[in-house]
Amino acid sequence: MNIVMWIHLNNEDSRPLYVQVKEQLMRDILNGSLKPGEELPSIRKLAKEAKTSVITVKRAYHDLELEGYIYTRAGKGSFVKQQNEEEQRIQKVKMFTQKAEELIHFGRTQHLSDEEMKTALLSCFREERGKE
């Protein structure tokens, strides 16, 4: 098995490293980059690739399993679990909301008004629509 995961850990991020690993794997599961039944790298392999500890990856895998994104078979490895479409949509909205909250927080640190932030977002929507 030669799956290469692209996990980017940011030491300046206030979130713990295991949360960063977990969220990046969740994103890849929800967007279909990681398919149901696909085997994930071993904990040791992913820790080495991400240049982090085995404990960090183990915690991320543990949380993903508890939340129903992956399952583990003793001696076989960890695999992506088939997702319920409604649960997937709920998780996508939840992740989008978290990113939106981060963006709003950033706007506030830059002393932007709510109106300035709304205008900027609407402009982004219009630009995106124009690319279709």
N, C-alpha and C. Protein backbone atom coordinates (compact mmCIF):
# COMPACT_ATOMS: atom_id res chain seq x y z
N MET A 1 0.85 -1.18 0.00
CA MET A 1 0.00 0.00 0.00
C MET A 1 0.89 1.23 0.00
N ASN A 2 0.63 2.16 -0.92
CA ASN A 2 1.46 3.35 -1.04
C ASN A 2 0.65 4.63 -1.05
N ILE A 3 -0.35 4.76 -0.21
CA ILE A 3 -1.13 5.99 -0.14
C ILE A 3 -0.28 7.08 0.49
N VAL A 4 -0.23 8.22 -0.18
CA VAL A 4 0.48 9.37 0.38
C VAL A 4 -0.57 10.40 0.78
N MET A 5 -0.53 10.79 2.03
CA MET A 5 -1.49 11.78 2.53
C MET A 5 -0.79 13.13 2.59
N TRP A 6 -1.49 14.16 2.21
CA TRP A 6 -0.95 15.50 2.27
C TRP A 6 -1.56 16.21 3.47
N ILE A 7 -0.96 16.02 4.60
CA ILE A 7 -1.40 16.65 5.84
C ILE A 7 -0.45 17.80 6.13
N HIS A 8 -1.01 18.98 6.25
CA HIS A 8 -0.20 20.16 6.56
C HIS A 8 -0.51 20.59 7.99
N LEU A 9 0.49 20.53 8.84
CA LEU A 9 0.32 20.95 10.23
C LEU A 9 0.96 22.31 10.43
N ASN A 10 0.22 23.19 11.07
CA ASN A 10 0.67 24.55 11.30
C ASN A 10 0.87 24.76 12.79
N ASN A 11 2.11 24.91 13.20
CA ASN A 11 2.41 25.10 14.63
C ASN A 11 1.93 26.45 15.15
N GLU A 12 1.62 27.39 14.25
CA GLU A 12 1.12 28.69 14.68
C GLU A 12 -0.40 28.68 14.84
N ASP A 13 -1.04 27.61 14.40
CA ASP A 13 -2.49 27.45 14.55
C ASP A 13 -2.79 27.17 16.02
N SER A 14 -3.84 27.79 16.53
CA SER A 14 -4.17 27.61 17.96
C SER A 14 -4.78 26.23 18.23
N ARG A 15 -5.25 25.55 17.18
CA ARG A 15 -5.84 24.23 17.37
C ARG A 15 -4.76 23.18 17.60
N PRO A 16 -5.03 22.19 18.45
CA PRO A 16 -4.05 21.11 18.66
C PRO A 16 -3.76 20.39 17.34
N LEU A 17 -2.57 19.79 17.25
CA LEU A 17 -2.17 19.11 16.02
C LEU A 17 -3.12 17.97 15.66
N TYR A 18 -3.60 17.21 16.66
CA TYR A 18 -4.49 16.10 16.35
C TYR A 18 -5.79 16.61 15.72
N VAL A 19 -6.25 17.79 16.13
CA VAL A 19 -7.46 18.38 15.55
C VAL A 19 -7.19 18.77 14.09
N GLN A 20 -6.01 19.30 13.82
CA GLN A 20 -5.67 19.66 12.45
C GLN A 20 -5.64 18.41 11.55
N VAL A 21 -5.05 17.33 12.05
CA VAL A 21 -5.01 16.07 11.29
C VAL A 21 -6.44 15.58 11.06
N LYS A 22 -7.22 15.55 12.12
CA LYS A 22 -8.60 15.06 12.04
C LYS A 22 -9.41 15.87 11.04
N GLU A 23 -9.34 17.19 11.11
CA GLU A 23 -10.13 18.03 10.22
C GLU A 23 -9.71 17.88 8.76
N GLN A 24 -8.42 17.70 8.51
CA GLN A 24 -7.98 17.52 7.13
C GLN A 24 -8.45 16.17 6.58
N LEU A 25 -8.43 15.14 7.41
CA LEU A 25 -8.94 13.84 6.97
C LEU A 25 -10.45 13.90 6.77
N MET A 26 -11.17 14.57 7.67
CA MET A 26 -12.61 14.75 7.51
C MET A 26 -12.92 15.45 6.19
N ARG A 27 -12.19 16.51 5.92
CA ARG A 27 -12.39 17.26 4.67
C ARG A 27 -12.22 16.33 3.46
N ASP A 28 -11.17 15.51 3.47
CA ASP A 28 -10.92 14.62 2.34
C ASP A 28 -11.97 13.52 2.23
N ILE A 29 -12.52 13.09 3.35
CA ILE A 29 -13.60 12.10 3.32
C ILE A 29 -14.87 12.74 2.78
N LEU A 30 -15.20 13.92 3.29
CA LEU A 30 -16.44 14.59 2.88
C LEU A 30 -16.42 15.07 1.44
N ASN A 31 -15.23 15.45 0.93
CA ASN A 31 -15.20 15.91 -0.46
C ASN A 31 -14.96 14.78 -1.46
N GLY A 32 -14.83 13.56 -0.94
CA GLY A 32 -14.69 12.39 -1.82
C GLY A 32 -13.28 12.06 -2.24
N SER A 33 -12.28 12.82 -1.77
CA SER A 33 -10.89 12.49 -2.08
C SER A 33 -10.51 11.13 -1.50
N LEU A 34 -11.06 10.84 -0.32
CA LEU A 34 -10.90 9.53 0.30
C LEU A 34 -12.24 8.82 0.16
N LYS A 35 -12.23 7.69 -0.51
CA LYS A 35 -13.47 6.96 -0.84
C LYS A 35 -13.82 5.93 0.24
N PRO A 36 -15.12 5.63 0.37
CA PRO A 36 -15.53 4.58 1.30
C PRO A 36 -14.79 3.28 1.03
N GLY A 37 -14.29 2.66 2.08
CA GLY A 37 -13.54 1.41 1.96
C GLY A 37 -12.06 1.59 1.73
N GLU A 38 -11.64 2.81 1.41
CA GLU A 38 -10.23 3.07 1.15
C GLU A 38 -9.43 2.97 2.45
N GLU A 39 -8.30 2.30 2.37
CA GLU A 39 -7.45 2.13 3.54
C GLU A 39 -6.62 3.39 3.78
N LEU A 40 -6.57 3.81 5.03
CA LEU A 40 -5.75 4.95 5.42
C LEU A 40 -4.34 4.46 5.72
N PRO A 41 -3.36 5.35 5.64
CA PRO A 41 -2.01 4.94 6.02
C PRO A 41 -1.98 4.50 7.48
N SER A 42 -1.03 3.68 7.82
CA SER A 42 -0.89 3.28 9.22
C SER A 42 -0.61 4.52 10.05
N ILE A 43 -0.88 4.43 11.32
CA ILE A 43 -0.64 5.56 12.22
C ILE A 43 0.82 5.98 12.16
N ARG A 44 1.72 5.01 12.20
CA ARG A 44 3.16 5.32 12.16
C ARG A 44 3.56 6.00 10.85
N LYS A 45 3.03 5.47 9.74
CA LYS A 45 3.38 6.03 8.43
C LYS A 45 2.89 7.48 8.30
N LEU A 46 1.64 7.72 8.70
CA LEU A 46 1.10 9.08 8.59
C LEU A 46 1.84 10.03 9.53
N ALA A 47 2.18 9.56 10.72
CA ALA A 47 2.93 10.40 11.66
C ALA A 47 4.28 10.80 11.05
N LYS A 48 4.92 9.84 10.40
CA LYS A 48 6.22 10.13 9.78
C LYS A 48 6.05 11.12 8.63
N GLU A 49 5.04 10.90 7.77
CA GLU A 49 4.81 11.79 6.63
C GLU A 49 4.45 13.21 7.09
N ALA A 50 3.66 13.31 8.16
CA ALA A 50 3.21 14.61 8.66
C ALA A 50 4.21 15.24 9.62
N LYS A 51 5.28 14.51 9.90
CA LYS A 51 6.32 14.99 10.83
C LYS A 51 5.71 15.36 12.19
N THR A 52 4.96 14.41 12.72
CA THR A 52 4.36 14.59 14.04
C THR A 52 4.46 13.28 14.80
N SER A 53 3.93 13.26 15.99
CA SER A 53 4.04 12.05 16.81
C SER A 53 2.95 11.04 16.48
N VAL A 54 3.25 9.80 16.80
CA VAL A 54 2.30 8.71 16.64
C VAL A 54 1.06 8.99 17.50
N ILE A 55 1.26 9.56 18.67
CA ILE A 55 0.15 9.87 19.59
C ILE A 55 -0.82 10.86 18.94
N THR A 56 -0.30 11.85 18.22
CA THR A 56 -1.14 12.84 17.54
C THR A 56 -2.05 12.17 16.52
N VAL A 57 -1.47 11.33 15.68
CA VAL A 57 -2.26 10.65 14.64
C VAL A 57 -3.21 9.64 15.27
N LYS A 58 -2.75 8.94 16.28
CA LYS A 58 -3.61 7.96 16.96
C LYS A 58 -4.86 8.64 17.53
N ARG A 59 -4.68 9.81 18.13
CA ARG A 59 -5.82 10.55 18.68
C ARG A 59 -6.77 10.99 17.57
N ALA A 60 -6.22 11.46 16.45
CA ALA A 60 -7.05 11.88 15.32
C ALA A 60 -7.86 10.69 14.79
N TYR A 61 -7.21 9.54 14.59
CA TYR A 61 -7.90 8.34 14.11
C TYR A 61 -8.97 7.91 15.11
N HIS A 62 -8.64 7.95 16.38
CA HIS A 62 -9.59 7.57 17.44
C HIS A 62 -10.85 8.44 17.36
N ASP A 63 -10.65 9.76 17.28
CA ASP A 63 -11.79 10.67 17.20
C ASP A 63 -12.60 10.45 15.92
N LEU A 64 -11.92 10.23 14.80
CA LEU A 64 -12.62 9.98 13.54
C LEU A 64 -13.45 8.71 13.62
N GLU A 65 -12.93 7.72 14.32
CA GLU A 65 -13.68 6.47 14.48
C GLU A 65 -14.90 6.69 15.37
N LEU A 66 -14.72 7.42 16.47
CA LEU A 66 -15.85 7.71 17.36
C LEU A 66 -16.93 8.50 16.64
N GLU A 67 -16.54 9.38 15.73
CA GLU A 67 -17.49 10.23 15.02
C GLU A 67 -18.05 9.56 13.76
N GLY A 68 -17.62 8.33 13.49
CA GLY A 68 -18.20 7.57 12.39
C GLY A 68 -17.63 7.81 11.01
N TYR A 69 -16.43 8.35 10.92
CA TYR A 69 -15.81 8.60 9.62
C TYR A 69 -14.94 7.44 9.14
N ILE A 70 -14.36 6.73 10.09
CA ILE A 70 -13.49 5.60 9.74
C ILE A 70 -13.82 4.42 10.65
N TYR A 71 -13.32 3.26 10.28
CA TYR A 71 -13.39 2.09 11.15
C TYR A 71 -12.04 1.40 11.10
N THR A 72 -11.75 0.67 12.15
CA THR A 72 -10.45 -0.01 12.26
C THR A 72 -10.68 -1.50 12.43
N ARG A 73 -9.89 -2.26 11.71
CA ARG A 73 -9.90 -3.72 11.86
C ARG A 73 -8.55 -4.12 12.43
N ALA A 74 -8.58 -4.78 13.58
CA ALA A 74 -7.33 -5.19 14.24
C ALA A 74 -6.46 -5.99 13.27
N GLY A 75 -5.22 -5.57 13.16
CA GLY A 75 -4.27 -6.26 12.30
C GLY A 75 -4.42 -5.94 10.82
N LYS A 76 -5.46 -5.21 10.44
CA LYS A 76 -5.71 -4.90 9.02
C LYS A 76 -5.50 -3.43 8.71
N GLY A 77 -5.88 -2.54 9.63
CA GLY A 77 -5.72 -1.11 9.39
C GLY A 77 -7.01 -0.33 9.59
N SER A 78 -6.96 0.93 9.19
CA SER A 78 -8.12 1.83 9.31
C SER A 78 -8.62 2.16 7.92
N PHE A 79 -9.95 2.22 7.80
CA PHE A 79 -10.59 2.39 6.51
C PHE A 79 -11.65 3.48 6.58
N VAL A 80 -11.91 4.12 5.43
CA VAL A 80 -12.95 5.14 5.34
C VAL A 80 -14.31 4.45 5.38
N LYS A 81 -15.17 4.96 6.23
CA LYS A 81 -16.51 4.40 6.39
C LYS A 81 -17.47 5.08 5.42
N GLN A 82 -18.43 4.32 4.91
CA GLN A 82 -19.48 4.87 4.05
C GLN A 82 -20.27 5.91 4.85
N GLN A 83 -20.47 7.08 4.28
CA GLN A 83 -21.16 8.16 4.97
C GLN A 83 -22.62 8.26 4.54
N ASN A 84 -23.49 8.50 5.49
CA ASN A 84 -24.89 8.80 5.24
C ASN A 84 -24.94 10.18 4.59
N GLU A 85 -25.69 10.33 3.49
CA GLU A 85 -25.70 11.60 2.75
C GLU A 85 -26.16 12.78 3.61
N GLU A 86 -27.17 12.59 4.43
CA GLU A 86 -27.68 13.68 5.26
C GLU A 86 -26.64 14.08 6.31
N GLU A 87 -26.00 13.07 6.92
CA GLU A 87 -24.94 13.36 7.90
C GLU A 87 -23.78 14.09 7.22
N GLN A 88 -23.47 13.69 6.00
CA GLN A 88 -22.39 14.34 5.25
C GLN A 88 -22.73 15.81 5.03
N ARG A 89 -23.96 16.09 4.63
CA ARG A 89 -24.38 17.48 4.39
C ARG A 89 -24.29 18.29 5.67
N ILE A 90 -24.74 17.71 6.77
CA ILE A 90 -24.68 18.40 8.07
C ILE A 90 -23.24 18.72 8.44
N GLN A 91 -22.34 17.77 8.25
CA GLN A 91 -20.93 17.99 8.57
C GLN A 91 -20.31 19.05 7.67
N LYS A 92 -20.68 19.05 6.39
CA LYS A 92 -20.15 20.05 5.46
C LYS A 92 -20.60 21.45 5.89
N VAL A 93 -21.87 21.59 6.27
CA VAL A 93 -22.37 22.89 6.74
C VAL A 93 -21.65 23.29 8.02
N LYS A 94 -21.43 22.34 8.91
CA LYS A 94 -20.73 22.61 10.16
C LYS A 94 -19.30 23.11 9.89
N MET A 95 -18.59 22.43 8.98
CA MET A 95 -17.22 22.84 8.66
C MET A 95 -17.22 24.21 7.98
N PHE A 96 -18.18 24.46 7.09
CA PHE A 96 -18.28 25.76 6.43
C PHE A 96 -18.52 26.85 7.47
N THR A 97 -19.41 26.58 8.42
CA THR A 97 -19.72 27.55 9.47
C THR A 97 -18.49 27.87 10.30
N GLN A 98 -17.69 26.85 10.62
CA GLN A 98 -16.46 27.09 11.38
C GLN A 98 -15.50 27.99 10.60
N LYS A 99 -15.37 27.73 9.31
CA LYS A 99 -14.49 28.58 8.48
C LYS A 99 -15.04 30.00 8.39
N ALA A 100 -16.36 30.14 8.27
CA ALA A 100 -16.97 31.46 8.21
C ALA A 100 -16.73 32.23 9.51
N GLU A 101 -16.84 31.52 10.63
CA GLU A 101 -16.58 32.16 11.92
C GLU A 101 -15.13 32.63 12.02
N GLU A 102 -14.20 31.81 11.50
CA GLU A 102 -12.79 32.20 11.49
C GLU A 102 -12.60 33.44 10.62
N LEU A 103 -13.27 33.48 9.48
CA LEU A 103 -13.16 34.62 8.57
C LEU A 103 -13.73 35.89 9.21
N ILE A 104 -14.86 35.76 9.88
CA ILE A 104 -15.46 36.92 10.57
C ILE A 104 -14.53 37.41 11.67
N HIS A 105 -13.96 36.47 12.42
CA HIS A 105 -13.01 36.85 13.47
C HIS A 105 -11.82 37.61 12.87
N PHE A 106 -11.31 37.10 11.74
CA PHE A 106 -10.20 37.77 11.06
C PHE A 106 -10.61 39.18 10.64
N GLY A 107 -11.81 39.32 10.07
CA GLY A 107 -12.30 40.63 9.66
C GLY A 107 -12.37 41.60 10.82
N ARG A 108 -12.82 41.10 11.96
CA ARG A 108 -12.91 41.95 13.16
C ARG A 108 -11.52 42.38 13.63
N THR A 109 -10.54 41.47 13.55
CA THR A 109 -9.18 41.86 13.96
C THR A 109 -8.60 42.92 13.03
N GLN A 110 -9.15 42.97 11.80
CA GLN A 110 -8.70 43.98 10.83
C GLN A 110 -9.57 45.24 10.89
N HIS A 111 -10.47 45.27 11.88
CA HIS A 111 -11.37 46.41 12.11
C HIS A 111 -12.28 46.69 10.91
N LEU A 112 -12.72 45.61 10.24
CA LEU A 112 -13.68 45.76 9.15
C LEU A 112 -15.09 45.74 9.73
N SER A 113 -15.95 46.54 9.17
CA SER A 113 -17.35 46.56 9.62
C SER A 113 -18.07 45.34 9.04
N ASP A 114 -19.22 45.03 9.62
CA ASP A 114 -20.03 43.93 9.09
C ASP A 114 -20.38 44.19 7.63
N GLU A 115 -20.70 45.44 7.33
CA GLU A 115 -21.07 45.80 5.95
C GLU A 115 -19.91 45.59 4.99
N GLU A 116 -18.69 45.96 5.40
CA GLU A 116 -17.52 45.75 4.54
C GLU A 116 -17.28 44.26 4.30
N MET A 117 -17.46 43.45 5.35
CA MET A 117 -17.27 42.01 5.19
C MET A 117 -18.34 41.41 4.27
N LYS A 118 -19.59 41.83 4.43
CA LYS A 118 -20.68 41.34 3.58
C LYS A 118 -20.42 41.71 2.12
N THR A 119 -20.00 42.95 1.89
CA THR A 119 -19.72 43.41 0.53
C THR A 119 -18.61 42.57 -0.10
N ALA A 120 -17.56 42.31 0.67
CA ALA A 120 -16.44 41.51 0.16
C ALA A 120 -16.90 40.09 -0.18
N LEU A 121 -17.72 39.49 0.68
CA LEU A 121 -18.22 38.14 0.42
C LEU A 121 -19.12 38.11 -0.81
N LEU A 122 -20.02 39.07 -0.92
CA LEU A 122 -20.90 39.12 -2.08
C LEU A 122 -20.10 39.28 -3.38
N SER A 123 -19.04 40.06 -3.31
CA SER A 123 -18.17 40.23 -4.47
C SER A 123 -17.53 38.89 -4.84
N CYS A 124 -17.10 38.14 -3.85
CA CYS A 124 -16.50 36.81 -4.09
C CYS A 124 -17.52 35.87 -4.74
N PHE A 125 -18.77 35.90 -4.26
CA PHE A 125 -19.82 35.07 -4.84
C PHE A 125 -20.02 35.43 -6.31
N ARG A 126 -20.08 36.72 -6.60
CA ARG A 126 -20.28 37.15 -7.99
C ARG A 126 -19.12 36.70 -8.87
N GLU A 127 -17.90 36.82 -8.38
CA GLU A 127 -16.73 36.40 -9.16
C GLU A 127 -16.77 34.90 -9.43
N GLU A 128 -17.12 34.11 -8.40
CA GLU A 128 -17.21 32.66 -8.54
C GLU A 128 -18.26 32.29 -9.58
N ARG A 129 -19.43 32.94 -9.50
CA ARG A 129 -20.50 32.66 -10.45
C ARG A 129 -20.06 32.96 -11.88
N GLY A 130 -19.25 34.00 -12.03
CA GLY A 130 -18.77 34.38 -13.36
C GLY A 130 -17.82 33.36 -13.95
N LYS A 131 -17.21 32.52 -13.12
CA LYS A 131 -16.26 31.50 -13.61
C LYS A 131 -16.95 30.25 -14.11
N GLU A 132 -18.23 30.10 -13.80
CA GLU A 132 -18.94 28.86 -14.18
C GLU A 132 -19.27 28.81 -15.64
